[in-house]
Amino acid sequence: MTQGVGTTSASGEADLPSPQERRRLRESAELTHGEVAAAVGVSPATVRSWENGRTQPRGRKRKAYARFLTRLAASADPAEPAAPAPAAGPPDTATPRAQTSATRAPAADAPAAHAPDTPKGSGPGAVRVSPAPARPVGSRKRPKVAAKRAPKPPAGSSRHDGKTPGKAAGSNHIPLPPEPPEPRPEPQPRPPAPQAPTNPAPAPGSDTPTATAEPDATAEPTATPESDAVAEPEAPVDSGPLTPAQVYDALYAYAAPALVRQAYLLTGRRSLALEAVEKAFLQAWARWPEVATDPDPVGWVRAASYEYALSPWHRFRRAFRHPDKAPAEAADRITMDALLALPTAYRRAVLLYDGVGLDLPDTAAEIEASTPTAGLRLLNAHAALVARIPELAALPPAQRSARLRERMGSVRPAVSLEPRPAAAVRTSCERRSRALSRAALGLTAVIAVATAYTATTAPTQYIPPLAPGSSVSGVPPLSGPQRFTEQSKELHDRLRSEPAAGPARLAPKSE
């Protein structure tokens, strides 16, 4: 038995259970803080504070909270009878919540929880129905949303497997193949209980006299948020999460054609446009974790392709010194000539704002400029385009952007702008990465071998080379000191034997 919450304290205020009991009642009714807050008329933070015991309700909020907890306790207590359910309306007008509340009843006894489900109908399309226990109508118990039952993605899937591109006009979302839904487990059988009839005829084959009347087996069952009495088709075999290659191919197939056309409007050269888009997707595959986790992967690739297409170094390449053949239509030629006559900064801003459809802050962020600077560039670019395109001069300024977008979208190039397949681009990127990796490893191995050979064969000390000898003429040979005579030897011995200083030198003797 749950503790009562409808008593009154000595001060006149309704008594409330402990904070732990409040939380237990809410969790047993499977309600969120927001649902309790909506029922009482407060914020979810206030309900959370009441359940934690930091604050206590006062006045009318306390009474409303006490009544709400009383209903929760009554609905959670199996011994108390359930409140009578209101009569259901016509089947075609009954809402899912009304049908769910009307078909619930408390469990009769514990052993009945293992009773088998009652089959609905007897044909091959019959559905197995699990009657659910009813709750009082005033319990404010919301039906479960279908999203809460959806299976969670596997923990091993990478973050970028299901990533879709963010905002960008004309390239907002990547059409990825939908993942097949995982089959939900069959719900546990629940005991039958008295329920209010919702249909005039009972379900055929039902052996429970108090069960809710079911619609005909041939009629399509009404899907309710908490009812499992819906015929579920056999779910297809789960193929697992998408691989990075599949997501990359989907991104390429979705964004590459539009990016090639935009690059062609920027440069007027088919080969440069195709090369710019391919280089951008090569960078994207080489840095795929960064691109996959980016909020706007299409914008990431678009910025890379624009940077490559508008690089000033292309003017030194012989193949890109002159634009390709002009379009056949005169209006298209005027539009292309007007766009190519703009400076590169103005051209890029006009294409992003008027062609792609980005707003001014996003355009400024992509061209790496402030919002006022981007707006000034657009004004100057529009003025230059109005001077070159007479059709824009006849329109008011508010309609020029839309008309300019139509003109750029209707340009028909004289050359084909079909990009290569995604698999070919990805394979070439992988082949190039493998070649660079092998070259780097080979160069490292050569340097290591050369260093080891040098360290092994190099001498441990330096021995200077001896200069070759040569004869020198005109110089007398070195003879050395002269030989001693007898007198010289005697004098030499005397000098060594007698001291060099002494009394004899101060007082010489006369001989």
Protein backbone atom coordinates (compact mmCIF):
# COMPACT_ATOMS: atom_id res chain seq x y z
CA MET A 1 0.00 0.00 0.00
CA THR A 2 1.31 3.43 -0.82
CA GLN A 3 1.12 6.12 1.79
CA GLY A 4 -1.77 8.52 1.59
CA VAL A 5 -1.29 12.07 0.50
CA GLY A 6 -4.70 13.54 1.09
CA THR A 7 -4.41 14.34 4.80
CA THR A 8 -4.27 17.82 6.22
CA SER A 9 -1.72 19.20 8.65
CA ALA A 10 -2.44 21.24 11.72
CA SER A 11 -1.65 24.45 9.85
CA GLY A 12 -4.39 23.76 7.32
CA GLU A 13 -2.08 22.76 4.46
CA ALA A 14 -2.27 19.37 2.78
CA ASP A 15 0.36 16.90 3.93
CA LEU A 16 2.74 15.56 1.31
CA PRO A 17 4.75 12.36 1.27
CA SER A 18 8.51 12.40 1.49
CA PRO A 19 10.50 13.60 -1.55
CA GLN A 20 11.61 10.03 -2.22
CA GLU A 21 7.97 8.87 -2.24
CA ARG A 22 7.00 11.68 -4.63
CA ARG A 23 9.67 10.62 -7.03
CA ARG A 24 8.69 6.95 -6.70
CA LEU A 25 5.05 7.76 -7.47
CA ARG A 26 6.03 9.73 -10.55
CA GLU A 27 8.37 7.01 -11.82
CA SER A 28 5.81 4.27 -11.17
CA ALA A 29 3.33 6.20 -13.31
CA GLU A 30 6.06 6.65 -15.97
CA LEU A 31 5.68 10.42 -16.03
CA THR A 32 8.32 13.02 -16.75
CA HIS A 33 8.98 16.22 -14.83
CA GLY A 34 7.42 18.18 -17.67
CA GLU A 35 4.19 16.16 -17.54
CA VAL A 36 3.88 16.60 -13.78
CA ALA A 37 4.63 20.31 -14.14
CA ALA A 38 1.94 20.68 -16.81
CA ALA A 39 -0.58 18.91 -14.57
CA VAL A 40 0.18 21.04 -11.50
CA GLY A 41 0.82 24.30 -13.34
CA VAL A 42 4.49 24.90 -12.51
CA SER A 43 7.82 24.56 -14.30
CA PRO A 44 9.74 21.25 -14.56
CA ALA A 45 12.57 22.76 -12.49
CA THR A 46 10.11 23.40 -9.65
CA VAL A 47 8.88 19.78 -9.72
CA ARG A 48 12.48 18.58 -9.69
CA SER A 49 13.19 20.82 -6.69
CA TRP A 50 10.15 19.42 -4.85
CA GLU A 51 11.29 15.85 -5.45
CA ASN A 52 14.82 16.65 -4.28
CA GLY A 53 13.50 18.23 -1.07
CA ARG A 54 15.12 21.60 -1.64
CA THR A 55 11.80 23.46 -1.67
CA GLN A 56 8.21 22.74 -0.66
CA PRO A 57 5.00 23.77 -2.44
CA ARG A 58 2.78 26.35 -0.79
CA GLY A 59 -0.84 27.39 -1.03
CA ARG A 60 -2.88 26.32 -4.01
CA LYS A 61 0.10 24.67 -5.69
CA ARG A 62 0.53 22.47 -2.62
CA LYS A 63 -3.12 21.41 -2.75
CA ALA A 64 -2.96 20.72 -6.47
CA TYR A 65 0.26 18.75 -6.03
CA ALA A 66 -1.31 16.74 -3.17
CA ARG A 67 -4.37 15.91 -5.27
CA PHE A 68 -2.15 14.88 -8.16
CA LEU A 69 -0.08 12.60 -5.92
CA THR A 70 -3.28 11.14 -4.50
CA ARG A 71 -4.41 10.17 -7.99
CA LEU A 72 -1.00 8.67 -8.72
CA ALA A 73 -1.11 6.65 -5.51
CA ALA A 74 -4.63 5.44 -6.29
CA SER A 75 -3.66 4.39 -9.81
CA ALA A 76 -0.54 2.61 -8.56
CA ASP A 77 -2.40 0.69 -5.80
CA PRO A 78 -3.85 -2.57 -7.27
CA ALA A 79 -6.22 -3.06 -4.33
CA GLU A 80 -8.16 0.15 -4.97
CA PRO A 81 -10.89 0.03 -7.64
CA ALA A 82 -10.32 1.94 -10.83
CA ALA A 83 -12.34 5.03 -11.61
CA PRO A 84 -15.18 4.36 -14.07
CA ALA A 85 -14.17 5.07 -17.63
CA PRO A 86 -16.35 7.45 -19.66
CA ALA A 87 -18.43 6.07 -22.46
CA ALA A 88 -16.49 5.99 -25.68
CA GLY A 89 -17.74 7.88 -28.70
CA PRO A 90 -17.93 6.61 -32.24
CA PRO A 91 -14.88 4.64 -33.38
CA ASP A 92 -14.02 7.13 -36.09
CA THR A 93 -14.01 10.12 -33.71
CA ALA A 94 -12.31 8.62 -30.66
CA THR A 95 -8.82 9.97 -30.07
CA PRO A 96 -5.90 7.65 -29.25
CA ARG A 97 -5.68 9.03 -25.72
CA ALA A 98 -9.38 8.55 -25.05
CA GLN A 99 -9.27 5.03 -26.38
CA THR A 100 -6.22 4.24 -24.30
CA SER A 101 -7.75 5.62 -21.10
CA ALA A 102 -11.06 3.85 -21.74
CA THR A 103 -9.52 0.46 -22.35
CA ARG A 104 -7.40 0.32 -19.19
CA ALA A 105 -8.38 -1.46 -16.00
CA PRO A 106 -6.44 -2.67 -12.92
CA ALA A 107 -5.18 -6.23 -12.69
CA ALA A 108 -7.55 -8.73 -11.11
CA ASP A 109 -4.99 -10.84 -9.29
CA ALA A 110 -1.32 -11.75 -9.51
CA PRO A 111 -1.66 -15.25 -11.05
CA ALA A 112 -3.58 -13.81 -13.97
CA ALA A 113 -0.44 -11.97 -15.11
CA HIS A 114 0.72 -15.12 -16.87
CA ALA A 115 -2.51 -15.71 -18.76
CA PRO A 116 -2.02 -16.15 -22.51
CA ASP A 117 -3.05 -13.43 -24.94
CA THR A 118 -6.42 -13.66 -26.58
CA PRO A 119 -6.10 -14.00 -30.35
CA LYS A 120 -8.04 -11.44 -32.31
CA GLY A 121 -10.00 -13.03 -35.10
CA SER A 122 -9.46 -16.42 -36.54
CA GLY A 123 -8.16 -15.74 -40.05
CA PRO A 124 -4.57 -15.56 -41.27
CA GLY A 125 -4.49 -11.81 -40.65
CA ALA A 126 -5.50 -12.13 -36.99
CA VAL A 127 -3.56 -10.08 -34.48
CA ARG A 128 -2.63 -11.04 -30.93
CA VAL A 129 -4.00 -8.54 -28.41
CA SER A 130 -2.49 -7.92 -24.97
CA PRO A 131 -5.02 -6.12 -22.74
CA ALA A 132 -3.31 -3.52 -20.58
CA PRO A 133 -4.30 -2.57 -17.00
CA ALA A 134 -6.49 0.49 -16.80
CA ARG A 135 -5.69 3.70 -14.95
CA PRO A 136 -8.09 6.32 -13.58
CA VAL A 137 -9.05 8.96 -16.10
CA GLY A 138 -7.83 11.73 -13.84
CA SER A 139 -4.36 10.30 -13.37
CA ARG A 140 -2.92 12.50 -16.15
CA LYS A 141 -0.91 9.57 -17.38
CA ARG A 142 0.23 10.31 -20.89
CA PRO A 143 0.53 7.52 -23.39
CA LYS A 144 4.02 6.54 -24.37
CA VAL A 145 5.29 8.03 -27.53
CA ALA A 146 6.37 5.69 -30.27
CA ALA A 147 9.81 7.27 -30.31
CA LYS A 148 10.48 5.98 -26.79
CA ARG A 149 10.11 2.41 -28.00
CA ALA A 150 12.41 2.85 -30.97
CA PRO A 151 15.56 0.77 -30.61
CA LYS A 152 18.73 2.64 -29.88
CA PRO A 153 21.44 2.61 -32.54
CA PRO A 154 24.25 0.14 -32.00
CA ALA A 155 27.08 1.42 -29.87
CA GLY A 156 29.67 0.44 -32.46
CA SER A 157 28.33 2.76 -35.12
CA SER A 158 30.43 5.81 -35.83
CA ARG A 159 29.21 9.21 -35.33
CA HIS A 160 29.20 10.13 -38.97
CA ASP A 161 27.38 7.12 -40.29
CA GLY A 162 23.98 8.75 -40.13
CA LYS A 163 25.02 12.33 -40.49
CA THR A 164 23.10 14.49 -42.93
CA PRO A 165 24.08 17.88 -44.29
CA GLY A 166 22.86 21.02 -42.64
CA LYS A 167 21.50 24.23 -44.11
CA ALA A 168 22.13 25.32 -47.67
CA ALA A 169 19.51 26.24 -50.21
CA GLY A 170 19.31 23.68 -52.92
CA SER A 171 21.56 21.36 -50.93
CA ASN A 172 20.05 21.03 -47.50
CA HIS A 173 19.78 17.30 -46.89
CA ILE A 174 21.46 14.26 -48.32
CA PRO A 175 19.03 11.51 -49.39
CA LEU A 176 20.41 8.57 -47.47
CA PRO A 177 18.84 5.14 -47.77
CA PRO A 178 16.56 4.63 -44.74
CA GLU A 179 17.61 2.07 -42.22
CA PRO A 180 15.14 -0.78 -41.84
CA PRO A 181 13.34 -0.70 -38.48
CA GLU A 182 14.37 -3.26 -35.96
CA PRO A 183 11.63 -5.69 -34.90
CA ARG A 184 10.17 -4.86 -31.53
CA PRO A 185 9.83 -7.67 -29.00
CA GLU A 186 6.36 -8.97 -28.34
CA PRO A 187 4.96 -7.31 -25.18
CA GLN A 188 4.46 -9.33 -22.05
CA PRO A 189 0.90 -10.60 -21.56
CA ARG A 190 -1.21 -8.64 -19.12
CA PRO A 191 -4.28 -9.83 -17.19
CA PRO A 192 -7.69 -9.04 -18.68
CA ALA A 193 -9.77 -6.46 -16.88
CA PRO A 194 -13.24 -4.90 -17.26
CA GLN A 195 -13.14 -2.19 -19.91
CA ALA A 196 -15.63 0.17 -21.43
CA PRO A 197 -16.90 -0.97 -24.84
CA THR A 198 -15.67 1.08 -27.77
CA ASN A 199 -17.41 -0.88 -30.56
CA PRO A 200 -20.94 -2.33 -30.69
CA ALA A 201 -19.78 -5.85 -31.56
CA PRO A 202 -17.33 -7.94 -29.46
CA ALA A 203 -14.23 -9.45 -31.00
CA PRO A 204 -14.81 -12.92 -32.49
CA GLY A 205 -13.13 -15.73 -30.67
CA SER A 206 -12.71 -13.82 -27.39
CA ASP A 207 -13.22 -15.94 -24.28
CA THR A 208 -13.11 -13.00 -21.84
CA PRO A 209 -16.59 -11.58 -21.23
CA THR A 210 -15.30 -8.27 -19.82
CA ALA A 211 -12.75 -7.62 -22.57
CA THR A 212 -13.04 -4.50 -24.67
CA ALA A 213 -14.91 -5.00 -27.89
CA GLU A 214 -12.49 -5.19 -30.79
CA PRO A 215 -13.12 -4.02 -34.35
CA ASP A 216 -13.64 -6.55 -37.09
CA ALA A 217 -10.59 -8.52 -38.12
CA THR A 218 -10.99 -7.33 -41.71
CA ALA A 219 -11.04 -3.66 -40.69
CA GLU A 220 -7.79 -1.77 -40.34
CA PRO A 221 -6.92 -1.40 -36.62
CA THR A 222 -6.53 2.09 -35.20
CA ALA A 223 -2.97 2.80 -34.05
CA THR A 224 -2.76 4.23 -30.53
CA PRO A 225 0.37 5.51 -28.80
CA GLU A 226 0.29 2.86 -26.09
CA SER A 227 -1.63 0.03 -27.72
CA ASP A 228 0.22 -2.94 -29.10
CA ALA A 229 -2.89 -4.31 -30.85
CA VAL A 230 -1.56 -3.36 -34.28
CA ALA A 231 -0.66 -5.83 -36.95
CA GLU A 232 3.09 -5.50 -37.40
CA PRO A 233 4.43 -6.73 -40.74
CA GLU A 234 7.49 -8.86 -40.75
CA ALA A 235 10.46 -6.53 -40.42
CA PRO A 236 13.21 -6.84 -43.02
CA VAL A 237 16.61 -8.10 -42.06
CA ASP A 238 18.68 -5.34 -40.47
CA SER A 239 21.62 -4.53 -42.71
CA GLY A 240 23.47 -2.62 -39.99
CA PRO A 241 24.58 1.01 -39.95
CA LEU A 242 25.69 2.77 -43.10
CA THR A 243 29.39 2.69 -43.83
CA PRO A 244 31.38 5.90 -44.39
CA ALA A 245 31.72 5.01 -48.08
CA GLN A 246 27.94 4.79 -48.48
CA VAL A 247 27.40 8.13 -46.75
CA TYR A 248 30.14 9.70 -48.86
CA ASP A 249 28.61 8.34 -52.07
CA ALA A 250 25.22 9.73 -51.05
CA LEU A 251 26.77 13.13 -50.33
CA TYR A 252 28.55 13.13 -53.68
CA ALA A 253 25.50 12.02 -55.65
CA TYR A 254 23.40 14.73 -54.01
CA ALA A 255 25.76 17.71 -54.05
CA ALA A 256 28.23 17.17 -56.90
CA PRO A 257 25.98 18.08 -59.88
CA ALA A 258 24.86 21.35 -58.28
CA LEU A 259 28.42 22.23 -57.22
CA VAL A 260 29.75 21.63 -60.74
CA ARG A 261 27.16 24.02 -62.13
CA GLN A 262 28.01 26.63 -59.50
CA ALA A 263 31.72 26.30 -60.22
CA TYR A 264 30.97 26.72 -63.93
CA LEU A 265 29.12 29.97 -63.21
CA LEU A 266 32.12 31.12 -61.16
CA THR A 267 34.79 30.33 -63.74
CA GLY A 268 33.14 29.83 -67.13
CA ARG A 269 35.36 26.78 -67.71
CA ARG A 270 34.05 23.24 -67.70
CA SER A 271 37.35 21.50 -66.97
CA LEU A 272 38.16 23.85 -64.10
CA ALA A 273 34.68 23.42 -62.61
CA LEU A 274 34.93 19.62 -62.72
CA GLU A 275 38.45 19.71 -61.34
CA ALA A 276 37.46 22.07 -58.50
CA VAL A 277 34.55 19.90 -57.39
CA GLU A 278 36.60 16.73 -57.64
CA LYS A 279 39.45 18.26 -55.62
CA ALA A 280 36.97 19.38 -52.98
CA PHE A 281 35.51 15.88 -52.66
CA LEU A 282 39.01 14.41 -52.57
CA GLN A 283 39.75 16.65 -49.59
CA ALA A 284 36.43 15.68 -48.03
CA TRP A 285 37.22 11.95 -48.26
CA ALA A 286 40.75 12.48 -46.97
CA ARG A 287 39.31 14.39 -43.98
CA TRP A 288 36.07 12.46 -43.72
CA PRO A 289 35.72 12.41 -39.91
CA GLU A 290 35.82 16.20 -39.88
CA VAL A 291 33.34 16.49 -42.76
CA ALA A 292 30.97 13.87 -41.36
CA THR A 293 30.69 15.65 -38.01
CA ASP A 294 30.32 19.08 -39.60
CA PRO A 295 26.81 20.57 -39.24
CA ASP A 296 26.80 21.42 -42.96
CA PRO A 297 28.93 18.96 -44.98
CA VAL A 298 27.61 20.35 -48.27
CA GLY A 299 28.75 23.81 -47.23
CA TRP A 300 32.16 22.38 -46.31
CA VAL A 301 32.60 20.88 -49.79
CA ARG A 302 31.18 23.99 -51.45
CA ALA A 303 33.67 26.27 -49.69
CA ALA A 304 36.57 24.01 -50.71
CA SER A 305 35.44 23.91 -54.35
CA TYR A 306 34.98 27.69 -54.48
CA GLU A 307 38.43 28.27 -53.02
CA TYR A 308 40.04 26.03 -55.62
CA ALA A 309 38.00 27.40 -58.53
CA LEU A 310 38.80 31.05 -57.68
CA SER A 311 42.50 30.49 -56.99
CA PRO A 312 44.57 33.20 -58.77
CA TRP A 313 47.23 30.67 -59.74
CA HIS A 314 45.01 29.23 -62.48
CA ARG A 315 45.72 32.25 -64.66
CA PHE A 316 49.26 30.94 -65.22
CA ARG A 317 47.97 27.63 -66.59
CA ARG A 318 47.73 27.50 -70.34
CA ALA A 319 44.57 25.40 -70.32
CA PHE A 320 42.61 27.93 -68.24
CA ARG A 321 43.59 31.22 -69.81
CA HIS A 322 40.43 31.42 -71.93
CA PRO A 323 36.84 30.45 -71.05
CA ASP A 324 35.00 27.66 -72.80
CA LYS A 325 32.50 28.02 -75.59
CA ALA A 326 29.71 30.44 -74.72
CA PRO A 327 26.13 29.17 -74.29
CA ALA A 328 23.90 29.07 -77.33
CA GLU A 329 21.13 31.28 -75.93
CA ALA A 330 21.69 35.03 -76.08
CA ALA A 331 20.25 35.57 -72.59
CA ASP A 332 22.58 32.93 -71.18
CA ARG A 333 25.58 34.56 -72.85
CA ILE A 334 24.62 37.93 -71.37
CA THR A 335 24.29 36.40 -67.91
CA MET A 336 27.63 34.58 -68.13
CA ASP A 337 29.44 37.65 -69.46
CA ALA A 338 27.97 39.80 -66.69
CA LEU A 339 28.99 37.30 -63.99
CA LEU A 340 32.52 36.78 -65.31
CA ALA A 341 33.02 40.56 -65.53
CA LEU A 342 32.54 40.89 -61.75
CA PRO A 343 35.49 40.68 -59.36
CA THR A 344 35.92 37.27 -57.78
CA ALA A 345 34.77 38.46 -54.35
CA TYR A 346 31.58 40.00 -55.80
CA ARG A 347 30.98 36.97 -58.01
CA ARG A 348 31.20 34.57 -55.08
CA ALA A 349 28.90 36.69 -52.90
CA VAL A 350 26.28 36.97 -55.67
CA LEU A 351 26.36 33.23 -56.36
CA LEU A 352 25.94 32.35 -52.69
CA TYR A 353 23.23 34.91 -51.96
CA ASP A 354 21.24 34.92 -55.20
CA GLY A 355 22.19 31.57 -56.72
CA VAL A 356 22.42 29.19 -53.76
CA GLY A 357 19.93 31.16 -51.66
CA LEU A 358 21.87 31.67 -48.44
CA ASP A 359 20.86 34.54 -46.21
CA LEU A 360 23.18 37.47 -45.60
CA PRO A 361 24.84 36.25 -42.34
CA ASP A 362 25.55 32.81 -43.82
CA THR A 363 26.90 34.40 -46.98
CA ALA A 364 29.17 36.64 -44.92
CA ALA A 365 30.39 33.66 -42.90
CA GLU A 366 31.21 31.64 -46.01
CA ILE A 367 33.11 34.44 -47.74
CA GLU A 368 34.89 35.18 -44.42
CA ALA A 369 33.71 38.77 -44.18
CA SER A 370 31.51 40.78 -41.86
CA THR A 371 27.82 41.12 -42.57
CA PRO A 372 28.02 44.83 -43.56
CA THR A 373 30.92 44.03 -45.89
CA ALA A 374 28.98 41.21 -47.52
CA GLY A 375 25.96 43.48 -47.95
CA LEU A 376 28.09 46.18 -49.55
CA ARG A 377 29.60 43.66 -51.96
CA LEU A 378 26.14 42.49 -52.95
CA LEU A 379 24.96 46.06 -53.57
CA ASN A 380 27.96 46.82 -55.76
CA ALA A 381 27.60 43.52 -57.61
CA HIS A 382 23.90 44.13 -58.25
CA ALA A 383 24.65 47.60 -59.57
CA ALA A 384 27.22 46.16 -61.99
CA LEU A 385 24.81 43.41 -63.10
CA VAL A 386 21.99 45.91 -63.65
CA ALA A 387 24.28 47.88 -65.93
CA ARG A 388 25.00 44.76 -68.02
CA ILE A 389 21.60 43.00 -67.93
CA PRO A 390 18.80 45.30 -69.16
CA GLU A 391 16.10 43.01 -67.81
CA LEU A 392 17.21 43.66 -64.23
CA ALA A 393 17.14 47.42 -64.71
CA ALA A 394 13.40 47.34 -65.41
CA LEU A 395 12.62 45.52 -62.15
CA PRO A 396 12.35 47.05 -58.68
CA PRO A 397 15.26 46.29 -56.31
CA ALA A 398 13.13 43.88 -54.26
CA GLN A 399 12.57 41.61 -57.28
CA ARG A 400 16.04 41.71 -58.79
CA SER A 401 17.45 38.99 -56.55
CA ALA A 402 14.70 36.51 -57.48
CA ARG A 403 15.00 37.32 -61.16
CA LEU A 404 18.78 37.02 -61.03
CA ARG A 405 18.42 33.62 -59.41
CA GLU A 406 16.12 32.52 -62.22
CA ARG A 407 18.60 33.75 -64.82
CA MET A 408 21.51 31.89 -63.23
CA GLY A 409 19.43 28.75 -62.81
CA SER A 410 18.30 28.75 -66.43
CA VAL A 411 21.78 29.00 -67.96
CA ARG A 412 22.36 26.10 -70.34
CA PRO A 413 26.09 25.53 -70.88
CA ALA A 414 27.29 24.53 -74.31
CA VAL A 415 29.38 21.76 -72.74
CA SER A 416 28.44 18.79 -70.59
CA LEU A 417 28.82 19.24 -66.83
CA GLU A 418 28.40 15.61 -65.80
CA PRO A 419 30.77 14.77 -62.91
CA ARG A 420 32.51 11.46 -62.54
CA PRO A 421 30.89 8.71 -60.46
CA ALA A 422 31.36 8.85 -56.72
CA ALA A 423 33.11 5.49 -56.62
CA ALA A 424 35.68 6.68 -59.16
CA VAL A 425 36.46 9.83 -57.17
CA ARG A 426 36.70 7.91 -53.92
CA THR A 427 38.89 5.23 -55.51
CA SER A 428 41.23 7.81 -57.02
CA CYS A 429 41.51 9.53 -53.64
CA GLU A 430 42.34 6.24 -51.94
CA ARG A 431 44.82 5.34 -54.70
CA ARG A 432 46.49 8.73 -54.39
CA SER A 433 46.65 8.42 -50.61
CA ARG A 434 48.18 4.96 -50.89
CA ALA A 435 50.74 6.20 -53.42
CA LEU A 436 51.73 9.12 -51.20
CA SER A 437 51.94 6.87 -48.16
CA ARG A 438 54.09 4.35 -49.99
CA ALA A 439 56.34 7.11 -51.33
CA ALA A 440 56.76 8.56 -47.85
CA LEU A 441 57.51 5.13 -46.39
CA GLY A 442 59.98 4.38 -49.18
CA LEU A 443 61.80 7.68 -48.73
CA THR A 444 61.94 7.11 -44.99
CA ALA A 445 63.35 3.62 -45.53
CA VAL A 446 66.02 4.95 -47.94
CA ILE A 447 67.09 7.62 -45.47
CA ALA A 448 67.22 5.07 -42.65
CA VAL A 449 69.33 2.63 -44.71
CA ALA A 450 71.72 5.38 -45.81
CA THR A 451 72.12 6.58 -42.24
CA ALA A 452 72.78 3.06 -40.97
CA TYR A 453 75.34 2.37 -43.71
CA THR A 454 77.14 5.66 -43.03
CA ALA A 455 77.23 5.03 -39.30
CA THR A 456 78.63 1.55 -39.89
CA THR A 457 81.33 2.34 -42.45
CA ALA A 458 82.51 5.76 -41.28
CA PRO A 459 85.95 5.90 -39.47
CA THR A 460 85.91 6.34 -35.74
CA GLN A 461 88.74 8.98 -35.70
CA TYR A 462 90.32 11.43 -38.09
CA ILE A 463 93.79 10.63 -39.45
CA PRO A 464 95.30 13.55 -41.36
CA PRO A 465 97.13 12.55 -44.55
CA LEU A 466 100.98 12.85 -44.73
CA ALA A 467 102.39 15.25 -47.28
CA PRO A 468 104.81 13.63 -49.78
CA GLY A 469 108.49 14.53 -49.31
CA SER A 470 110.55 16.50 -51.86
CA SER A 471 114.24 17.49 -52.17
CA VAL A 472 115.28 21.12 -51.56
CA SER A 473 118.49 22.46 -53.14
CA GLY A 474 120.67 25.47 -52.13
CA VAL A 475 120.30 25.06 -48.39
CA PRO A 476 123.29 23.85 -46.32
CA PRO A 477 122.66 20.77 -44.29
CA LEU A 478 122.09 21.10 -40.58
CA SER A 479 125.47 20.30 -38.90
CA GLY A 480 124.56 20.73 -35.24
CA PRO A 481 126.84 21.91 -32.33
CA GLN A 482 130.63 21.63 -32.46
CA ARG A 483 132.52 18.91 -30.64
CA PHE A 484 134.04 19.62 -27.20
CA THR A 485 137.79 19.91 -26.84
CA GLU A 486 139.70 18.99 -23.73
CA GLN A 487 139.74 22.60 -22.58
CA SER A 488 136.08 23.01 -23.24
CA LYS A 489 135.24 19.88 -21.27
CA GLU A 490 137.28 21.07 -18.31
CA LEU A 491 135.58 24.45 -18.30
CA HIS A 492 132.18 22.79 -18.63
CA ASP A 493 132.83 20.51 -15.67
CA ARG A 494 134.03 23.39 -13.56
CA LEU A 495 130.98 25.46 -14.25
CA ARG A 496 128.75 22.61 -13.23
CA SER A 497 130.62 21.76 -10.08
CA GLU A 498 131.11 25.24 -8.67
CA PRO A 499 128.11 27.22 -7.51
CA ALA A 500 127.04 30.19 -9.52
CA ALA A 501 126.53 32.37 -6.38
CA GLY A 502 128.05 32.41 -2.93
CA PRO A 503 130.60 34.04 -0.73
CA ALA A 504 133.20 33.54 -3.34
CA ARG A 505 131.45 35.95 -5.59
CA LEU A 506 131.02 38.57 -2.84
CA ALA A 507 134.57 38.26 -1.57
CA PRO A 508 136.70 37.00 -4.40
CA LYS A 509 139.94 35.35 -3.51
CA SER A 510 143.16 36.51 -4.96
CA GLU A 511 145.14 33.85 -6.55
